[in-house]
Protein backbone atom coordinates (compact mmCIF):
# COMPACT_ATOMS: atom_id res chain seq x y z
CA UNK A 1 -20.00 41.01 -210.79
CA UNK A 2 -19.22 37.30 -210.72
CA UNK A 3 -16.83 36.23 -208.02
CA UNK A 4 -15.11 32.85 -208.00
CA UNK A 5 -13.04 31.41 -205.16
CA UNK A 6 -9.82 29.53 -205.81
CA UNK A 7 -8.54 27.72 -202.75
CA UNK A 8 -5.18 26.12 -202.29
CA UNK A 9 -4.20 23.35 -199.91
CA UNK A 10 -5.07 25.41 -196.90
CA UNK A 11 -6.12 28.97 -197.35
CA UNK A 12 -5.99 30.74 -200.67
CA UNK A 13 -6.75 34.26 -201.83
CA UNK A 14 -10.09 35.20 -203.31
CA UNK A 15 -9.83 36.14 -206.97
CA UNK A 16 -12.53 38.26 -208.65
CA UNK A 17 -13.45 36.95 -212.07
CA UNK A 18 -15.18 39.63 -214.20
CA UNK A 19 -17.40 38.63 -217.06
CA UNK A 20 -18.07 40.79 -220.13
CA UNK A 21 -21.54 41.65 -218.83
CA UNK A 22 -20.10 43.02 -215.61
CA UNK A 23 -18.04 45.60 -217.45
CA UNK A 24 -21.08 47.29 -219.02
CA UNK A 25 -21.45 48.35 -222.63
CA UNK A 26 -18.36 49.19 -224.59
CA UNK A 27 -17.75 52.92 -225.05
CA UNK A 28 -18.97 54.20 -228.36
CA UNK A 29 -16.04 55.15 -230.60
CA UNK A 30 -15.71 58.84 -231.36
CA UNK A 31 -15.02 59.60 -234.97
CA UNK A 32 -12.97 62.54 -236.17
CA UNK A 33 -16.09 64.32 -237.42
CA UNK A 34 -18.84 65.35 -235.06
CA UNK A 35 -22.12 66.84 -236.19
CA UNK A 36 -23.27 70.37 -235.61
CA UNK A 37 -25.98 69.28 -233.21
CA UNK A 38 -23.60 67.31 -231.00
CA UNK A 39 -21.09 70.14 -230.85
CA UNK A 40 -23.75 72.74 -230.24
CA UNK A 41 -25.17 70.64 -227.42
CA UNK A 42 -21.77 70.39 -225.79
CA UNK A 43 -21.19 74.13 -225.96
CA UNK A 44 -24.76 74.95 -224.95
CA UNK A 45 -24.74 78.13 -226.98
CA UNK A 46 -28.35 77.87 -228.22
CA UNK A 47 -29.54 78.74 -224.71
CA UNK A 48 -27.42 81.83 -224.21
CA UNK A 49 -28.47 85.45 -224.28
CA UNK A 50 -26.56 86.21 -227.47
CA UNK A 51 -28.93 84.05 -229.52
CA UNK A 52 -31.95 85.57 -227.81
CA UNK A 53 -30.63 89.06 -228.53
CA UNK A 54 -29.98 88.21 -232.18
CA UNK A 55 -33.46 86.73 -232.46
CA UNK A 56 -34.86 89.96 -231.05
CA UNK A 57 -33.01 92.00 -233.66
CA UNK A 58 -34.30 89.67 -236.37
CA UNK A 59 -37.89 90.05 -235.22
CA UNK A 60 -37.51 93.83 -235.07
CA UNK A 61 -36.10 93.88 -238.61
CA UNK A 62 -38.97 91.76 -239.93
CA UNK A 63 -41.83 93.46 -238.10
CA UNK A 64 -40.52 97.04 -238.03
CA UNK A 65 -43.47 98.36 -240.09
CA UNK A 66 -45.86 96.94 -237.49
CA UNK A 67 -43.88 97.95 -234.40
CA UNK A 68 -42.82 101.48 -235.32
CA UNK A 69 -45.38 103.99 -234.00
CA UNK A 70 -44.45 106.73 -236.50
CA UNK A 71 -43.34 107.07 -240.10
CA UNK A 72 -39.51 107.00 -239.87
CA UNK A 73 -39.03 109.63 -242.59
CA UNK A 74 -41.90 111.99 -241.77
CA UNK A 75 -40.64 115.32 -240.49
CA UNK A 76 -42.65 117.30 -237.94
CA UNK A 77 -41.11 120.69 -237.26
CA UNK A 78 -43.50 121.28 -234.38
CA UNK A 79 -41.97 118.30 -232.53
CA UNK A 80 -38.28 119.08 -232.96
CA UNK A 81 -35.73 117.88 -230.38
CA UNK A 82 -38.22 116.48 -227.93
CA UNK A 83 -36.63 114.37 -225.15
CA UNK A 84 -37.68 110.75 -224.54
CA UNK A 85 -41.27 110.53 -223.30
CA UNK A 86 -44.30 108.29 -223.41
CA UNK A 87 -45.21 109.56 -226.87
CA UNK A 88 -41.70 109.48 -228.32
CA UNK A 89 -39.83 106.73 -226.46
CA UNK A 90 -36.41 107.75 -227.82
CA UNK A 91 -37.27 111.40 -228.40
CA UNK A 92 -37.18 113.22 -231.73
CA UNK A 93 -34.35 114.59 -233.87
CA UNK A 94 -33.76 118.06 -235.28
CA UNK A 95 -36.27 117.37 -238.07
CA UNK A 96 -38.98 116.19 -235.70
CA UNK A 97 -38.62 112.53 -236.76
CA UNK A 98 -39.31 109.88 -234.12
CA UNK A 99 -35.96 108.35 -233.12
CA UNK A 100 -37.52 105.12 -231.84
CA UNK A 101 -39.22 104.45 -235.18
CA UNK A 102 -36.04 105.26 -237.06
CA UNK A 103 -33.95 102.91 -234.90
CA UNK A 104 -36.41 100.09 -235.58
CA UNK A 105 -36.41 100.68 -239.33
CA UNK A 106 -32.63 101.07 -239.34
CA UNK A 107 -32.38 97.52 -237.96
CA UNK A 108 -33.95 96.28 -241.18
CA UNK A 109 -31.67 98.48 -243.29
CA UNK A 110 -28.40 97.56 -241.60
CA UNK A 111 -29.14 93.86 -241.21
CA UNK A 112 -30.25 93.50 -244.83
CA UNK A 113 -27.09 95.13 -246.16
CA UNK A 114 -24.85 93.14 -243.80
CA UNK A 115 -26.50 89.77 -244.48
CA UNK A 116 -26.65 90.13 -248.25
CA UNK A 117 -23.07 91.41 -248.44
CA UNK A 118 -21.72 88.59 -246.25
CA UNK A 119 -23.74 86.01 -248.21
CA UNK A 120 -22.09 87.22 -251.42
CA UNK A 121 -18.63 87.04 -249.86
CA UNK A 122 -19.40 83.54 -248.54
CA UNK A 123 -20.60 82.31 -251.93
CA UNK A 124 -17.44 83.65 -253.58
CA UNK A 125 -14.74 83.11 -250.97
CA UNK A 126 -15.50 79.58 -249.74
CA UNK A 127 -15.56 77.75 -253.12
CA UNK A 128 -12.50 79.65 -254.34
CA UNK A 129 -10.66 78.91 -251.09
CA UNK A 130 -11.49 75.21 -251.29
CA UNK A 131 -10.40 74.98 -254.93
CA UNK A 132 -7.24 76.99 -254.30
CA UNK A 133 -6.19 74.97 -251.27
CA UNK A 134 -6.90 71.59 -252.84
CA UNK A 135 -5.60 72.17 -256.37
CA UNK A 136 -2.59 74.34 -255.47
CA UNK A 137 -0.18 75.40 -258.20
CA UNK A 138 -0.55 78.59 -260.17
CA UNK A 139 -4.25 78.89 -259.29
CA UNK A 140 -3.49 78.91 -255.58
CA UNK A 141 -0.65 81.37 -256.00
CA UNK A 142 -2.66 83.78 -258.14
CA UNK A 143 -5.80 83.76 -255.98
CA UNK A 144 -3.78 84.12 -252.80
CA UNK A 145 -1.89 87.14 -254.13
CA UNK A 146 -5.14 88.73 -255.35
CA UNK A 147 -6.76 88.27 -251.93
CA UNK A 148 -3.75 89.91 -250.28
CA UNK A 149 -4.00 92.88 -252.65
CA UNK A 150 -7.67 93.37 -251.75
CA UNK A 151 -6.90 93.22 -248.03
CA UNK A 152 -4.09 95.75 -248.38
CA UNK A 153 -6.42 98.45 -249.78
CA UNK A 154 -7.69 100.86 -247.08
CA UNK A 155 -11.40 100.24 -246.71
CA UNK A 156 -12.66 103.81 -246.53
CA UNK A 157 -10.42 105.01 -249.36
CA UNK A 158 -11.66 102.14 -251.53
CA UNK A 159 -15.28 102.88 -250.61
CA UNK A 160 -14.81 106.57 -251.42
CA UNK A 161 -13.50 105.72 -254.89
CA UNK A 162 -16.33 103.27 -255.56
CA UNK A 163 -19.05 105.67 -254.43
CA UNK A 164 -17.51 108.46 -256.49
CA UNK A 165 -17.58 106.26 -259.59
CA UNK A 166 -20.88 104.39 -259.10
CA UNK A 167 -23.00 106.62 -256.90
CA UNK A 168 -24.22 106.53 -253.33
CA UNK A 169 -26.81 103.78 -252.89
CA UNK A 170 -27.58 100.57 -251.03
CA UNK A 171 -26.59 98.22 -253.86
CA UNK A 172 -23.09 99.67 -254.05
CA UNK A 173 -22.73 99.39 -250.29
CA UNK A 174 -23.70 95.69 -250.42
CA UNK A 175 -21.08 95.14 -253.10
CA UNK A 176 -18.41 96.81 -250.95
CA UNK A 177 -19.30 94.64 -247.94
CA UNK A 178 -19.10 91.50 -250.08
CA UNK A 179 -15.86 92.56 -251.73
CA UNK A 180 -13.94 93.24 -248.52
CA UNK A 181 -15.21 90.10 -246.75
CA UNK A 182 -14.60 87.62 -249.59
CA UNK A 183 -10.80 87.43 -248.98
CA UNK A 184 -11.46 86.56 -245.33
CA UNK A 185 -13.54 83.51 -246.24
CA UNK A 186 -11.12 82.62 -249.01
CA UNK A 187 -8.08 82.56 -246.74
CA UNK A 188 -9.89 80.77 -243.91
CA UNK A 189 -11.20 78.02 -246.20
CA UNK A 190 -7.82 77.65 -247.89
CA UNK A 191 -6.08 77.30 -244.52
CA UNK A 192 -8.52 74.57 -243.48
CA UNK A 193 -8.27 72.69 -246.78
CA UNK A 194 -4.47 72.63 -247.13
CA UNK A 195 -3.87 69.96 -244.44
CA UNK A 196 -6.87 67.95 -245.68
CA UNK A 197 -5.07 66.86 -248.82
CA UNK A 198 -2.92 64.42 -246.85
CA UNK A 199 -5.82 62.77 -244.99
CA UNK A 200 -6.83 59.17 -245.66
CA UNK A 201 -10.36 59.80 -246.84
CA UNK A 202 -9.11 62.21 -249.50
CA UNK A 203 -6.60 59.60 -250.69
CA UNK A 204 -9.36 56.98 -250.71
CA UNK A 205 -11.61 59.22 -252.78
CA UNK A 206 -8.78 59.80 -255.23
CA UNK A 207 -8.10 56.08 -255.51
CA UNK A 208 -11.82 55.49 -256.08
CA UNK A 209 -11.54 57.54 -259.24
CA UNK A 210 -13.27 60.72 -258.14
CA UNK A 211 -12.14 63.81 -259.98
CA UNK A 212 -11.01 66.96 -258.22
CA UNK A 213 -14.33 68.89 -258.53
CA UNK A 214 -16.26 65.95 -257.05
CA UNK A 215 -13.78 65.58 -254.18
CA UNK A 216 -14.00 69.28 -253.41
CA UNK A 217 -17.81 69.26 -253.37
CA UNK A 218 -18.35 65.94 -251.56
CA UNK A 219 -15.46 65.84 -249.11
CA UNK A 220 -13.51 69.07 -248.86
CA UNK A 221 -16.28 71.66 -248.53
CA UNK A 222 -18.41 69.77 -245.94
CA UNK A 223 -15.38 69.37 -243.66
CA UNK A 224 -14.49 73.05 -243.97
CA UNK A 225 -17.88 74.40 -242.92
CA UNK A 226 -17.18 74.30 -239.18
CA UNK A 227 -14.63 77.13 -239.05
CA UNK A 228 -16.60 78.97 -241.75
CA UNK A 229 -19.70 78.96 -239.51
CA UNK A 230 -17.85 80.73 -236.72
CA UNK A 231 -16.38 83.26 -239.15
CA UNK A 232 -19.81 83.91 -240.65
CA UNK A 233 -21.11 85.48 -237.45
CA UNK A 234 -17.95 87.54 -236.94
CA UNK A 235 -18.11 88.77 -240.54
CA UNK A 236 -21.70 89.92 -239.98
CA UNK A 237 -20.48 91.97 -237.01
CA UNK A 238 -17.71 93.41 -239.18
CA UNK A 239 -20.22 94.18 -241.94
CA UNK A 240 -22.45 96.09 -239.53
CA UNK A 241 -19.46 98.20 -238.52
CA UNK A 242 -18.64 98.87 -242.17
CA UNK A 243 -22.20 99.95 -242.96
CA UNK A 244 -22.47 102.18 -239.90
CA UNK A 245 -18.98 103.63 -240.39
CA UNK A 246 -19.48 104.51 -244.04
CA UNK A 247 -22.92 105.99 -243.37
CA UNK A 248 -21.45 108.02 -240.52
CA UNK A 249 -19.08 109.58 -243.07
CA UNK A 250 -21.98 110.41 -245.38
CA UNK A 251 -21.42 107.42 -247.68
CA UNK A 252 -23.63 104.40 -248.22
CA UNK A 253 -27.26 104.78 -247.21
CA UNK A 254 -28.53 108.24 -248.24
CA UNK A 255 -30.36 110.47 -245.78
CA UNK A 256 -33.20 110.51 -244.72
CA UNK A 257 -33.45 106.71 -245.01
CA UNK A 258 -33.06 105.40 -241.45
CA UNK A 259 -29.64 103.91 -240.80
CA UNK A 260 -27.75 103.65 -237.53
CA UNK A 261 -24.50 105.27 -238.69
CA UNK A 262 -26.13 108.28 -240.32
CA UNK A 263 -28.35 108.75 -237.26
CA UNK A 264 -25.27 108.80 -235.02
CA UNK A 265 -23.65 111.37 -237.30
CA UNK A 266 -26.74 113.61 -237.28
CA UNK A 267 -26.90 113.60 -233.50
CA UNK A 268 -23.19 113.81 -232.74
CA UNK A 269 -23.15 117.59 -232.91
CA UNK A 270 -26.20 117.91 -230.66
CA UNK A 271 -24.72 116.15 -227.61
CA UNK A 272 -23.03 119.35 -226.40
CA UNK A 273 -26.44 121.04 -226.45
CA UNK A 274 -27.90 118.30 -224.27
CA UNK A 275 -29.76 116.46 -227.04
CA UNK A 276 -27.97 113.18 -226.31
CA UNK A 277 -30.78 110.80 -227.33
CA UNK A 278 -30.44 111.44 -231.08
CA UNK A 279 -27.13 109.57 -231.34
CA UNK A 280 -27.01 107.50 -228.13
CA UNK A 281 -29.91 105.15 -228.96
CA UNK A 282 -28.74 104.19 -232.48
CA UNK A 283 -25.18 103.90 -231.17
CA UNK A 284 -26.39 101.53 -228.46
CA UNK A 285 -28.21 99.47 -231.11
CA UNK A 286 -25.00 99.12 -233.13
CA UNK A 287 -23.10 98.09 -230.01
CA UNK A 288 -25.62 95.41 -229.03
CA UNK A 289 -25.84 93.98 -232.55
CA UNK A 290 -22.05 93.75 -232.93
CA UNK A 291 -21.70 92.20 -229.47
CA UNK A 292 -24.39 89.61 -230.27
CA UNK A 293 -22.72 88.52 -233.50
CA UNK A 294 -19.30 88.51 -231.88
CA UNK A 295 -20.48 86.43 -228.92
CA UNK A 296 -22.14 83.88 -231.19
CA UNK A 297 -19.00 83.69 -233.33
CA UNK A 298 -16.84 82.93 -230.28
CA UNK A 299 -19.25 80.25 -229.11
CA UNK A 300 -19.29 78.63 -232.55
CA UNK A 301 -15.50 78.69 -232.61
CA UNK A 302 -15.35 76.89 -229.25
CA UNK A 303 -17.96 74.39 -230.39
CA UNK A 304 -15.86 73.46 -233.39
CA UNK A 305 -12.58 73.55 -231.47
CA UNK A 306 -11.39 76.18 -233.93
């Protein structure tokens, strides 16, 4: 700090004269858009247990054939209803199948169905939501009404009709997950895009001669991905609940293919007989997976100030 002294006829006050160097560097301006890395660093969510737990589930789903000690669909009637032990970590079910191996393989089944179904809903809902919100008019009105009709249909009644018409298999279950999640992404993207139309950079792009499809792809969609990222994780949690719930009712993944919901259903009637491990371990796996996706979704939402 530079200090100069101004003196009067007798005694005068000392006046501090600050130069530009004394004030330090100017603060860097903060733009309206911040990158994913900067926001993630502020929230610190990459170092939390939810991401570690989700990574663990992902590794289990990928390497289940190498980790599982037994064939998940091989019945052994001589080893029926064995409690957890060193040989069978989670015990065996009423068919003598190793519950630990089935829980590991079910991770691959449930995560595959959830991820593929949510990816389909994302690929359909986000572009339609961006186009509907930006273009407006009859397209916006029609798509919005159609999304509301889909959301008003009871999920399990709709699934029952679809399975009755198309059969009970994994492909149909993926389609159901994608169908019920697409309106969520559509409405979220539309809600984000509607106020964008009045922003300066959209007006500048219009004045520059860009057509509506180019504006949607270059400017609208990139600025709508923040809230969509947080919803993506929450939708995966919702998809896991759909898969487990439908399989619990005997729909979706056919038995004996390992799936958490069907395993819970098979062991639910055995709890009163003391065979608690058949349904408790797959139920705990569903709980942890849903909590991991939900926790990550909340952290992403805070990171994007959504």
